[in-house]
Amino acid sequence: MQSLSPLMQTERTGGLSRVALEPGEPADHSLLAPSRSIRPKDRPKALKQLDVIFSSKGGAPEEEDPEWYCLTEAIYFEARGESFQGQVAVAEVILNRVDNDRWPDTICGVVNQGTGERYRCQFSYTCDGLPDTVTDQRAWDRAGHYAAAMMKDGPRILTNGATFYHATYVDPYWAQEFAITANIGTHRFYR
């Protein structure tokens, strides 16, 4: 049987040779990692603005505030598995609708529009027949924090004014009527 010792002595990576580690020897990770990141050093200006808004801890509306509750619930049930940007983007759509004469002028009105009418729900969780039970308290708390910040005039800079969105794994008939404004996580946004 041939020994693997010669193979363990050197390894060719990217044109550079390096001595392989002996069993039990601590790794020198500087030999494995690139000397600099391919990612930009600074976050884009728009995301820096969001960081400032969302790093604030104080002043969240009380849980008894129905508008805060409706926005938190929508973020949680529509986007809790999404990134920070994905969750905030859903909030943007709801708030953009509140500001548009085509929709109700309250968050709860927008979120619950069409609930109980077959194929008329604006947000799928309001008519999917499943109980709206919070099972992940940390995700609920995050959604509540994002909702509070957006209700306090958080910047709407992710969706370019979108008033519609859907999950990318569905192809709704209405999507062809609107311009795509953003793709964030598993959602596509339209105006």
N, C-alpha and C. Protein backbone atom coordinates (compact mmCIF):
# COMPACT_ATOMS: atom_id res chain seq x y z
N MET A 1 0.85 -1.19 0.00
CA MET A 1 0.00 0.00 0.00
C MET A 1 0.88 1.24 0.00
N GLN A 2 0.58 2.14 -0.86
CA GLN A 2 1.37 3.37 -0.94
C GLN A 2 1.02 4.30 0.20
N SER A 3 2.00 5.03 0.67
CA SER A 3 1.80 5.99 1.75
C SER A 3 1.27 7.31 1.19
N LEU A 4 0.47 7.96 1.99
CA LEU A 4 -0.02 9.29 1.60
C LEU A 4 0.92 10.39 2.04
N SER A 5 2.02 10.04 2.69
CA SER A 5 2.96 11.04 3.21
C SER A 5 3.41 12.04 2.16
N PRO A 6 3.81 11.57 0.97
CA PRO A 6 4.25 12.56 -0.01
C PRO A 6 3.16 13.58 -0.36
N LEU A 7 1.91 13.13 -0.38
CA LEU A 7 0.82 14.05 -0.70
C LEU A 7 0.56 15.03 0.42
N MET A 8 0.84 14.63 1.64
CA MET A 8 0.59 15.49 2.79
C MET A 8 1.67 16.55 2.97
N GLN A 9 2.79 16.40 2.26
CA GLN A 9 3.89 17.34 2.45
C GLN A 9 3.65 18.68 1.77
N THR A 10 3.09 18.66 0.62
CA THR A 10 2.84 19.93 -0.08
C THR A 10 1.48 19.89 -0.76
N GLU A 11 0.95 21.05 -0.95
CA GLU A 11 -0.34 21.17 -1.63
C GLU A 11 -0.24 22.37 -2.56
N ARG A 12 -0.68 22.21 -3.78
CA ARG A 12 -0.64 23.31 -4.74
C ARG A 12 -1.99 24.00 -4.73
N THR A 13 -1.98 25.32 -4.43
CA THR A 13 -3.22 26.10 -4.49
C THR A 13 -2.90 27.44 -5.13
N GLY A 14 -3.61 27.73 -6.18
CA GLY A 14 -3.46 29.04 -6.82
C GLY A 14 -2.04 29.34 -7.23
N GLY A 15 -1.27 28.32 -7.57
CA GLY A 15 0.10 28.54 -8.01
C GLY A 15 1.08 28.69 -6.86
N LEU A 16 0.65 28.61 -5.61
CA LEU A 16 1.53 28.74 -4.46
C LEU A 16 1.65 27.41 -3.75
N SER A 17 2.86 27.06 -3.34
CA SER A 17 3.05 25.84 -2.56
C SER A 17 3.08 26.20 -1.10
N ARG A 18 2.59 25.28 -0.28
CA ARG A 18 2.70 25.48 1.16
C ARG A 18 2.86 24.11 1.80
N VAL A 19 3.47 24.10 2.95
CA VAL A 19 3.68 22.84 3.65
C VAL A 19 2.37 22.43 4.29
N ALA A 20 2.01 21.17 4.14
CA ALA A 20 0.78 20.67 4.74
C ALA A 20 0.98 20.50 6.24
N LEU A 21 -0.10 20.51 6.97
CA LEU A 21 -0.06 20.37 8.42
C LEU A 21 0.12 18.93 8.83
N GLU A 22 0.84 18.73 9.89
CA GLU A 22 0.92 17.41 10.49
C GLU A 22 -0.34 17.19 11.30
N PRO A 23 -0.75 15.96 11.49
CA PRO A 23 -1.94 15.70 12.32
C PRO A 23 -1.79 16.32 13.70
N GLY A 24 -2.83 17.03 14.13
CA GLY A 24 -2.84 17.66 15.45
C GLY A 24 -2.21 19.03 15.50
N GLU A 25 -1.58 19.47 14.42
CA GLU A 25 -0.94 20.79 14.38
C GLU A 25 -2.01 21.86 14.13
N PRO A 26 -1.99 22.98 14.90
CA PRO A 26 -3.00 24.02 14.67
C PRO A 26 -2.85 24.64 13.29
N ALA A 27 -3.96 24.96 12.70
CA ALA A 27 -3.97 25.53 11.35
C ALA A 27 -3.57 26.99 11.37
N ASP A 28 -2.80 27.38 10.37
CA ASP A 28 -2.50 28.80 10.15
C ASP A 28 -3.47 29.28 9.08
N HIS A 29 -4.58 29.87 9.52
CA HIS A 29 -5.66 30.24 8.60
C HIS A 29 -5.25 31.34 7.62
N SER A 30 -4.17 32.05 7.92
CA SER A 30 -3.74 33.09 6.98
C SER A 30 -3.26 32.48 5.67
N LEU A 31 -2.88 31.20 5.72
CA LEU A 31 -2.46 30.54 4.49
C LEU A 31 -3.65 30.15 3.62
N LEU A 32 -4.82 30.05 4.24
CA LEU A 32 -6.01 29.60 3.52
C LEU A 32 -6.89 30.74 3.04
N ALA A 33 -6.90 31.83 3.77
CA ALA A 33 -7.80 32.94 3.48
C ALA A 33 -7.18 33.91 2.49
N PRO A 34 -7.99 34.54 1.67
CA PRO A 34 -7.45 35.56 0.77
C PRO A 34 -6.95 36.75 1.57
N SER A 35 -6.00 37.48 1.00
CA SER A 35 -5.42 38.61 1.73
C SER A 35 -6.39 39.78 1.85
N ARG A 36 -7.38 39.86 0.96
CA ARG A 36 -8.38 40.91 1.09
C ARG A 36 -9.71 40.39 0.56
N SER A 37 -10.77 41.02 1.02
CA SER A 37 -12.12 40.60 0.66
C SER A 37 -12.49 41.10 -0.73
N ILE A 38 -13.32 40.34 -1.40
CA ILE A 38 -13.83 40.80 -2.70
C ILE A 38 -15.04 41.70 -2.51
N ARG A 39 -15.56 41.74 -1.28
CA ARG A 39 -16.71 42.60 -1.00
C ARG A 39 -16.24 44.04 -0.80
N PRO A 40 -17.09 45.01 -1.13
CA PRO A 40 -16.70 46.39 -0.90
C PRO A 40 -16.53 46.65 0.60
N LYS A 41 -15.58 47.54 0.91
CA LYS A 41 -15.30 47.86 2.31
C LYS A 41 -16.50 48.48 2.99
N ASP A 42 -17.12 49.40 2.32
CA ASP A 42 -18.24 50.12 2.91
C ASP A 42 -19.55 49.62 2.34
N ARG A 43 -20.57 49.64 3.19
CA ARG A 43 -21.91 49.32 2.71
C ARG A 43 -22.39 50.47 1.84
N PRO A 44 -23.23 50.21 0.86
CA PRO A 44 -23.79 51.30 0.06
C PRO A 44 -24.48 52.33 0.95
N LYS A 45 -24.47 53.58 0.51
CA LYS A 45 -25.03 54.67 1.30
C LYS A 45 -26.47 54.39 1.74
N ALA A 46 -27.27 53.84 0.85
CA ALA A 46 -28.68 53.56 1.19
C ALA A 46 -28.77 52.60 2.36
N LEU A 47 -27.93 51.57 2.36
CA LEU A 47 -27.98 50.61 3.46
C LEU A 47 -27.42 51.21 4.75
N LYS A 48 -26.47 52.12 4.64
CA LYS A 48 -25.98 52.81 5.85
C LYS A 48 -27.10 53.60 6.50
N GLN A 49 -27.94 54.25 5.68
CA GLN A 49 -29.08 55.00 6.23
C GLN A 49 -30.00 54.06 6.98
N LEU A 50 -30.26 52.90 6.41
CA LEU A 50 -31.12 51.93 7.09
C LEU A 50 -30.49 51.45 8.38
N ASP A 51 -29.17 51.22 8.38
CA ASP A 51 -28.49 50.79 9.60
C ASP A 51 -28.71 51.77 10.73
N VAL A 52 -28.61 53.07 10.44
CA VAL A 52 -28.79 54.09 11.47
C VAL A 52 -30.21 54.05 12.00
N ILE A 53 -31.19 54.02 11.12
CA ILE A 53 -32.59 54.00 11.54
C ILE A 53 -32.88 52.78 12.39
N PHE A 54 -32.42 51.62 11.96
CA PHE A 54 -32.81 50.37 12.61
C PHE A 54 -31.94 50.02 13.81
N SER A 55 -30.86 50.74 14.03
CA SER A 55 -30.06 50.46 15.22
C SER A 55 -30.64 51.15 16.44
N SER A 56 -31.57 52.08 16.24
CA SER A 56 -32.23 52.75 17.35
C SER A 56 -33.09 51.76 18.12
N LYS A 57 -33.00 51.82 19.44
CA LYS A 57 -33.76 50.87 20.27
C LYS A 57 -35.00 51.48 20.88
N GLY A 58 -35.02 52.76 21.09
CA GLY A 58 -36.11 53.35 21.85
C GLY A 58 -37.31 53.75 21.02
N GLY A 59 -38.40 53.99 21.70
CA GLY A 59 -39.57 54.60 21.10
C GLY A 59 -40.45 53.70 20.28
N ALA A 60 -40.36 52.40 20.44
CA ALA A 60 -41.25 51.52 19.68
C ALA A 60 -42.68 51.68 20.14
N PRO A 61 -43.63 51.66 19.23
CA PRO A 61 -45.03 51.76 19.63
C PRO A 61 -45.41 50.61 20.55
N GLU A 62 -46.39 50.84 21.35
CA GLU A 62 -46.88 49.79 22.24
C GLU A 62 -47.51 48.67 21.42
N GLU A 63 -47.44 47.46 21.92
CA GLU A 63 -48.04 46.33 21.21
C GLU A 63 -49.54 46.50 21.05
N GLU A 64 -50.14 47.34 21.86
CA GLU A 64 -51.58 47.56 21.75
C GLU A 64 -51.94 48.46 20.57
N ASP A 65 -50.95 49.10 19.96
CA ASP A 65 -51.20 49.95 18.80
C ASP A 65 -51.57 49.05 17.62
N PRO A 66 -52.82 49.10 17.17
CA PRO A 66 -53.24 48.18 16.11
C PRO A 66 -52.46 48.36 14.80
N GLU A 67 -52.05 49.56 14.48
CA GLU A 67 -51.30 49.78 13.24
C GLU A 67 -49.93 49.09 13.32
N TRP A 68 -49.25 49.26 14.45
CA TRP A 68 -47.97 48.59 14.65
C TRP A 68 -48.16 47.08 14.59
N TYR A 69 -49.20 46.59 15.25
CA TYR A 69 -49.46 45.16 15.28
C TYR A 69 -49.70 44.62 13.87
N CYS A 70 -50.50 45.31 13.08
CA CYS A 70 -50.79 44.85 11.71
C CYS A 70 -49.53 44.81 10.86
N LEU A 71 -48.67 45.83 10.97
CA LEU A 71 -47.45 45.84 10.18
C LEU A 71 -46.48 44.76 10.66
N THR A 72 -46.36 44.61 11.96
CA THR A 72 -45.50 43.56 12.52
C THR A 72 -45.97 42.19 12.07
N GLU A 73 -47.26 41.96 12.15
CA GLU A 73 -47.85 40.68 11.75
C GLU A 73 -47.58 40.41 10.27
N ALA A 74 -47.76 41.41 9.43
CA ALA A 74 -47.53 41.23 7.99
C ALA A 74 -46.06 40.91 7.71
N ILE A 75 -45.15 41.64 8.34
CA ILE A 75 -43.72 41.36 8.14
C ILE A 75 -43.41 39.94 8.60
N TYR A 76 -43.92 39.58 9.77
CA TYR A 76 -43.65 38.25 10.34
C TYR A 76 -44.17 37.14 9.44
N PHE A 77 -45.43 37.20 9.07
CA PHE A 77 -46.02 36.10 8.31
C PHE A 77 -45.65 36.10 6.83
N GLU A 78 -45.33 37.26 6.28
CA GLU A 78 -44.98 37.32 4.86
C GLU A 78 -43.48 37.17 4.62
N ALA A 79 -42.64 37.55 5.60
CA ALA A 79 -41.21 37.64 5.28
C ALA A 79 -40.26 37.28 6.42
N ARG A 80 -40.71 36.61 7.46
CA ARG A 80 -39.82 36.38 8.60
C ARG A 80 -38.56 35.60 8.24
N GLY A 81 -38.60 34.79 7.22
CA GLY A 81 -37.42 34.03 6.80
C GLY A 81 -36.49 34.81 5.88
N GLU A 82 -36.86 36.02 5.57
CA GLU A 82 -36.07 36.86 4.67
C GLU A 82 -34.99 37.62 5.44
N SER A 83 -34.09 38.21 4.69
CA SER A 83 -33.05 39.06 5.28
C SER A 83 -33.70 40.33 5.84
N PHE A 84 -32.89 41.12 6.50
CA PHE A 84 -33.32 42.43 6.99
C PHE A 84 -33.95 43.22 5.85
N GLN A 85 -33.26 43.30 4.70
CA GLN A 85 -33.77 44.06 3.56
C GLN A 85 -35.08 43.47 3.06
N GLY A 86 -35.19 42.16 3.03
CA GLY A 86 -36.42 41.52 2.56
C GLY A 86 -37.61 41.83 3.44
N GLN A 87 -37.39 41.89 4.74
CA GLN A 87 -38.49 42.21 5.66
C GLN A 87 -38.88 43.68 5.55
N VAL A 88 -37.89 44.55 5.48
CA VAL A 88 -38.18 45.98 5.37
C VAL A 88 -38.86 46.28 4.03
N ALA A 89 -38.49 45.56 2.99
CA ALA A 89 -39.10 45.78 1.68
C ALA A 89 -40.60 45.47 1.71
N VAL A 90 -41.00 44.44 2.44
CA VAL A 90 -42.43 44.13 2.58
C VAL A 90 -43.13 45.28 3.30
N ALA A 91 -42.50 45.81 4.34
CA ALA A 91 -43.08 46.96 5.05
C ALA A 91 -43.21 48.15 4.11
N GLU A 92 -42.22 48.37 3.26
CA GLU A 92 -42.28 49.47 2.29
C GLU A 92 -43.51 49.36 1.40
N VAL A 93 -43.78 48.17 0.89
CA VAL A 93 -44.94 47.98 0.01
C VAL A 93 -46.22 48.37 0.74
N ILE A 94 -46.36 47.92 1.96
CA ILE A 94 -47.57 48.22 2.74
C ILE A 94 -47.70 49.72 2.95
N LEU A 95 -46.62 50.37 3.35
CA LEU A 95 -46.66 51.82 3.60
C LEU A 95 -46.85 52.60 2.30
N ASN A 96 -46.28 52.12 1.21
CA ASN A 96 -46.50 52.78 -0.09
C ASN A 96 -47.98 52.72 -0.47
N ARG A 97 -48.62 51.61 -0.16
CA ARG A 97 -50.05 51.49 -0.43
C ARG A 97 -50.86 52.44 0.45
N VAL A 98 -50.49 52.55 1.71
CA VAL A 98 -51.20 53.47 2.62
C VAL A 98 -51.17 54.88 2.05
N ASP A 99 -50.06 55.26 1.45
CA ASP A 99 -49.91 56.62 0.90
C ASP A 99 -50.53 56.79 -0.49
N ASN A 100 -51.06 55.73 -1.06
CA ASN A 100 -51.62 55.76 -2.41
C ASN A 100 -53.14 55.70 -2.33
N ASP A 101 -53.82 56.56 -3.08
CA ASP A 101 -55.28 56.64 -3.04
C ASP A 101 -55.99 55.37 -3.50
N ARG A 102 -55.29 54.47 -4.16
CA ARG A 102 -55.92 53.23 -4.64
C ARG A 102 -56.21 52.23 -3.52
N TRP A 103 -55.60 52.44 -2.36
CA TRP A 103 -55.73 51.49 -1.26
C TRP A 103 -56.23 52.19 0.00
N PRO A 104 -56.64 51.41 0.99
CA PRO A 104 -57.07 52.02 2.26
C PRO A 104 -55.95 52.89 2.84
N ASP A 105 -56.34 53.84 3.68
CA ASP A 105 -55.35 54.79 4.20
C ASP A 105 -54.82 54.42 5.59
N THR A 106 -54.97 53.18 5.97
CA THR A 106 -54.38 52.70 7.23
C THR A 106 -53.62 51.41 6.95
N ILE A 107 -52.65 51.12 7.80
CA ILE A 107 -51.88 49.89 7.65
C ILE A 107 -52.79 48.67 7.76
N CYS A 108 -53.63 48.65 8.79
CA CYS A 108 -54.54 47.51 8.97
C CYS A 108 -55.51 47.38 7.80
N GLY A 109 -55.96 48.51 7.27
CA GLY A 109 -56.85 48.47 6.11
C GLY A 109 -56.18 47.84 4.90
N VAL A 110 -54.91 48.20 4.67
CA VAL A 110 -54.17 47.64 3.54
C VAL A 110 -53.93 46.15 3.76
N VAL A 111 -53.45 45.79 4.93
CA VAL A 111 -53.10 44.39 5.21
C VAL A 111 -54.33 43.49 5.13
N ASN A 112 -55.45 43.95 5.61
CA ASN A 112 -56.65 43.11 5.67
C ASN A 112 -57.59 43.27 4.49
N GLN A 113 -57.22 44.09 3.52
CA GLN A 113 -58.09 44.30 2.36
C GLN A 113 -58.34 42.98 1.64
N GLY A 114 -59.60 42.68 1.41
CA GLY A 114 -59.97 41.47 0.69
C GLY A 114 -60.01 40.20 1.53
N THR A 115 -59.65 40.30 2.79
CA THR A 115 -59.67 39.11 3.65
C THR A 115 -61.09 38.57 3.75
N GLY A 116 -61.22 37.29 3.59
CA GLY A 116 -62.53 36.65 3.65
C GLY A 116 -63.21 36.53 2.30
N GLU A 117 -62.66 37.18 1.28
CA GLU A 117 -63.22 37.09 -0.07
C GLU A 117 -62.32 36.19 -0.90
N ARG A 118 -62.90 35.21 -1.53
CA ARG A 118 -62.11 34.26 -2.30
C ARG A 118 -61.27 34.96 -3.37
N TYR A 119 -59.99 34.67 -3.38
CA TYR A 119 -59.02 35.21 -4.34
C TYR A 119 -58.89 36.74 -4.29
N ARG A 120 -59.26 37.36 -3.19
CA ARG A 120 -59.19 38.82 -3.10
C ARG A 120 -58.20 39.28 -2.03
N CYS A 121 -57.61 38.37 -1.28
CA CYS A 121 -56.66 38.76 -0.23
C CYS A 121 -55.45 39.44 -0.86
N GLN A 122 -55.01 40.49 -0.24
CA GLN A 122 -53.82 41.18 -0.71
C GLN A 122 -52.55 40.54 -0.15
N PHE A 123 -52.66 39.90 1.01
CA PHE A 123 -51.52 39.25 1.66
C PHE A 123 -51.94 37.83 2.01
N SER A 124 -51.23 36.88 1.47
CA SER A 124 -51.68 35.48 1.51
C SER A 124 -51.93 34.94 2.91
N TYR A 125 -51.18 35.40 3.89
CA TYR A 125 -51.37 34.83 5.23
C TYR A 125 -52.75 35.17 5.81
N THR A 126 -53.41 36.21 5.27
CA THR A 126 -54.72 36.59 5.81
C THR A 126 -55.85 35.70 5.30
N CYS A 127 -55.55 34.83 4.34
CA CYS A 127 -56.63 33.99 3.80
C CYS A 127 -56.18 32.57 3.49
N ASP A 128 -55.07 32.14 4.08
CA ASP A 128 -54.58 30.80 3.76
C ASP A 128 -55.23 29.70 4.59
N GLY A 129 -56.10 30.10 5.52
CA GLY A 129 -56.80 29.11 6.34
C GLY A 129 -55.99 28.58 7.50
N LEU A 130 -54.74 29.01 7.62
CA LEU A 130 -53.90 28.56 8.73
C LEU A 130 -54.03 29.53 9.90
N PRO A 131 -53.89 29.04 11.13
CA PRO A 131 -53.94 29.95 12.27
C PRO A 131 -52.73 30.88 12.25
N ASP A 132 -52.94 32.13 12.54
CA ASP A 132 -51.85 33.11 12.57
C ASP A 132 -51.21 33.08 13.95
N THR A 133 -50.43 32.05 14.19
CA THR A 133 -49.80 31.83 15.48
C THR A 133 -48.31 32.14 15.38
N VAL A 134 -47.82 32.97 16.28
CA VAL A 134 -46.39 33.30 16.33
C VAL A 134 -45.66 32.13 16.99
N THR A 135 -44.75 31.53 16.25
CA THR A 135 -43.99 30.39 16.77
C THR A 135 -42.52 30.72 17.00
N ASP A 136 -42.08 31.87 16.55
CA ASP A 136 -40.68 32.27 16.69
C ASP A 136 -40.64 33.67 17.30
N GLN A 137 -40.49 33.74 18.61
CA GLN A 137 -40.55 35.03 19.31
C GLN A 137 -39.46 35.99 18.86
N ARG A 138 -38.26 35.48 18.60
CA ARG A 138 -37.17 36.37 18.15
C ARG A 138 -37.51 36.99 16.80
N ALA A 139 -38.08 36.20 15.90
CA ALA A 139 -38.47 36.73 14.59
C ALA A 139 -39.59 37.75 14.75
N TRP A 140 -40.53 37.51 15.66
CA TRP A 140 -41.61 38.47 15.94
C TRP A 140 -41.02 39.77 16.47
N ASP A 141 -40.09 39.68 17.40
CA ASP A 141 -39.48 40.88 17.97
C ASP A 141 -38.74 41.69 16.91
N ARG A 142 -38.02 40.99 16.03
CA ARG A 142 -37.33 41.67 14.93
C ARG A 142 -38.33 42.36 14.01
N ALA A 143 -39.38 41.65 13.64
CA ALA A 143 -40.41 42.23 12.77
C ALA A 143 -41.02 43.46 13.44
N GLY A 144 -41.26 43.38 14.74
CA GLY A 144 -41.81 44.52 15.48
C GLY A 144 -40.88 45.71 15.49
N HIS A 145 -39.59 45.44 15.62
CA HIS A 145 -38.60 46.52 15.59
C HIS A 145 -38.57 47.19 14.21
N TYR A 146 -38.58 46.38 13.16
CA TYR A 146 -38.59 46.93 11.80
C TYR A 146 -39.87 47.72 11.54
N ALA A 147 -41.00 47.19 12.00
CA ALA A 147 -42.28 47.88 11.82
C ALA A 147 -42.26 49.24 12.51
N ALA A 148 -41.77 49.27 13.74
CA ALA A 148 -41.72 50.53 14.50
C ALA A 148 -40.85 51.55 13.79
N ALA A 149 -39.69 51.12 13.32
CA ALA A 149 -38.78 52.04 12.63
C ALA A 149 -39.39 52.56 11.33
N MET A 150 -40.04 51.70 10.58
CA MET A 150 -40.65 52.14 9.33
C MET A 150 -41.82 53.08 9.58
N MET A 151 -42.57 52.84 10.65
CA MET A 151 -43.68 53.74 10.98
C MET A 151 -43.18 55.10 11.44
N LYS A 152 -41.94 55.17 11.89
CA LYS A 152 -41.35 56.44 12.30
C LYS A 152 -40.58 57.06 11.13
N ASP A 153 -41.15 56.99 9.97
CA ASP A 153 -40.55 57.58 8.77
C ASP A 153 -39.23 56.95 8.38
N GLY A 154 -39.13 55.63 8.52
CA GLY A 154 -37.96 54.93 8.01
C GLY A 154 -37.86 55.15 6.51
N PRO A 155 -36.65 55.21 5.99
CA PRO A 155 -36.49 55.48 4.55
C PRO A 155 -37.02 54.33 3.70
N ARG A 156 -37.69 54.68 2.65
CA ARG A 156 -38.21 53.68 1.71
C ARG A 156 -37.31 53.71 0.48
N ILE A 157 -36.23 52.97 0.57
CA ILE A 157 -35.20 53.06 -0.47
C ILE A 157 -34.87 51.72 -1.13
N LEU A 158 -35.58 50.69 -0.75
CA LEU A 158 -35.23 49.37 -1.27
C LEU A 158 -36.04 48.95 -2.49
N THR A 159 -37.29 49.37 -2.58
CA THR A 159 -38.19 48.84 -3.62
C THR A 159 -38.54 49.83 -4.71
N ASN A 160 -38.01 51.04 -4.64
CA ASN A 160 -38.27 52.04 -5.67
C ASN A 160 -39.76 52.30 -5.84
N GLY A 161 -40.46 52.43 -4.71
CA GLY A 161 -41.87 52.79 -4.74
C GLY A 161 -42.83 51.65 -5.02
N ALA A 162 -42.40 50.42 -4.84
CA ALA A 162 -43.25 49.26 -5.17
C ALA A 162 -44.54 49.25 -4.36
N THR A 163 -45.61 48.83 -5.01
CA THR A 163 -46.90 48.65 -4.34
C THR A 163 -47.40 47.20 -4.48
N PHE A 164 -46.62 46.37 -5.11
CA PHE A 164 -46.96 44.96 -5.28
C PHE A 164 -45.70 44.13 -5.08
N TYR A 165 -45.88 42.89 -4.67
CA TYR A 165 -44.79 41.93 -4.65
C TYR A 165 -45.37 40.53 -4.63
N HIS A 166 -44.54 39.58 -4.94
CA HIS A 166 -44.93 38.17 -4.82
C HIS A 166 -43.68 37.34 -4.62
N ALA A 167 -43.86 36.13 -4.15
CA ALA A 167 -42.75 35.20 -4.00
C ALA A 167 -42.28 34.78 -5.39
N THR A 168 -40.99 34.58 -5.53
CA THR A 168 -40.43 34.26 -6.84
C THR A 168 -40.81 32.87 -7.33
N TYR A 169 -41.32 32.03 -6.46
CA TYR A 169 -41.69 30.68 -6.88
C TYR A 169 -43.13 30.59 -7.41
N VAL A 170 -43.82 31.73 -7.51
CA VAL A 170 -45.14 31.76 -8.14
C VAL A 170 -45.10 32.74 -9.31
N ASP A 171 -46.07 32.63 -10.18
CA ASP A 171 -46.13 33.50 -11.36
C ASP A 171 -47.55 34.03 -11.50
N PRO A 172 -47.90 35.06 -10.71
CA PRO A 172 -49.28 35.56 -10.75
C PRO A 172 -49.60 36.24 -12.08
N TYR A 173 -50.85 36.13 -12.46
CA TYR A 173 -51.30 36.69 -13.74
C TYR A 173 -51.08 38.20 -13.82
N TRP A 174 -51.19 38.92 -12.70
CA TRP A 174 -51.11 40.37 -12.70
C TRP A 174 -49.69 40.90 -12.86
N ALA A 175 -48.68 40.07 -12.65
CA ALA A 175 -47.30 40.54 -12.65
C ALA A 175 -46.88 41.16 -13.97
N GLN A 176 -47.41 40.66 -15.08
CA GLN A 176 -47.00 41.18 -16.39
C GLN A 176 -47.49 42.60 -16.65
N GLU A 177 -48.42 43.07 -15.83
CA GLU A 177 -48.97 44.41 -16.01
C GLU A 177 -48.12 45.51 -15.38
N PHE A 178 -47.11 45.13 -14.59
CA PHE A 178 -46.34 46.12 -13.83
C PHE A 178 -44.85 45.99 -14.11
N ALA A 179 -44.13 47.07 -13.81
CA ALA A 179 -42.68 47.07 -13.97
C ALA A 179 -42.02 46.52 -12.71
N ILE A 180 -41.04 45.66 -12.89
CA ILE A 180 -40.28 45.14 -11.75
C ILE A 180 -39.39 46.26 -11.23
N THR A 181 -39.44 46.47 -9.92
CA THR A 181 -38.61 47.52 -9.31
C THR A 181 -37.47 46.95 -8.49
N ALA A 182 -37.59 45.71 -8.03
CA ALA A 182 -36.53 45.11 -7.22
C ALA A 182 -36.77 43.61 -7.08
N ASN A 183 -35.69 42.90 -6.87
CA ASN A 183 -35.71 41.49 -6.48
C ASN A 183 -34.92 41.40 -5.19
N ILE A 184 -35.58 41.03 -4.11
CA ILE A 184 -34.92 40.96 -2.81
C ILE A 184 -35.29 39.62 -2.18
N GLY A 185 -34.29 38.80 -1.94
CA GLY A 185 -34.55 37.49 -1.37
C GLY A 185 -35.45 36.68 -2.28
N THR A 186 -36.51 36.14 -1.72
CA THR A 186 -37.44 35.32 -2.52
C THR A 186 -38.67 36.11 -2.96
N HIS A 187 -38.55 37.44 -2.98
CA HIS A 187 -39.67 38.27 -3.42
C HIS A 187 -39.28 39.16 -4.59
N ARG A 188 -40.22 39.37 -5.48
CA ARG A 188 -40.07 40.28 -6.61
C ARG A 188 -41.05 41.42 -6.40
N PHE A 189 -40.59 42.65 -6.57
CA PHE A 189 -41.38 43.85 -6.28
C PHE A 189 -41.71 44.59 -7.57
N TYR A 190 -42.90 45.21 -7.57
CA TYR A 190 -43.44 45.87 -8.77
C TYR A 190 -44.08 47.21 -8.42
N ARG A 191 -44.16 48.06 -9.45
CA ARG A 191 -44.89 49.33 -9.33
C ARG A 191 -45.68 49.53 -10.59
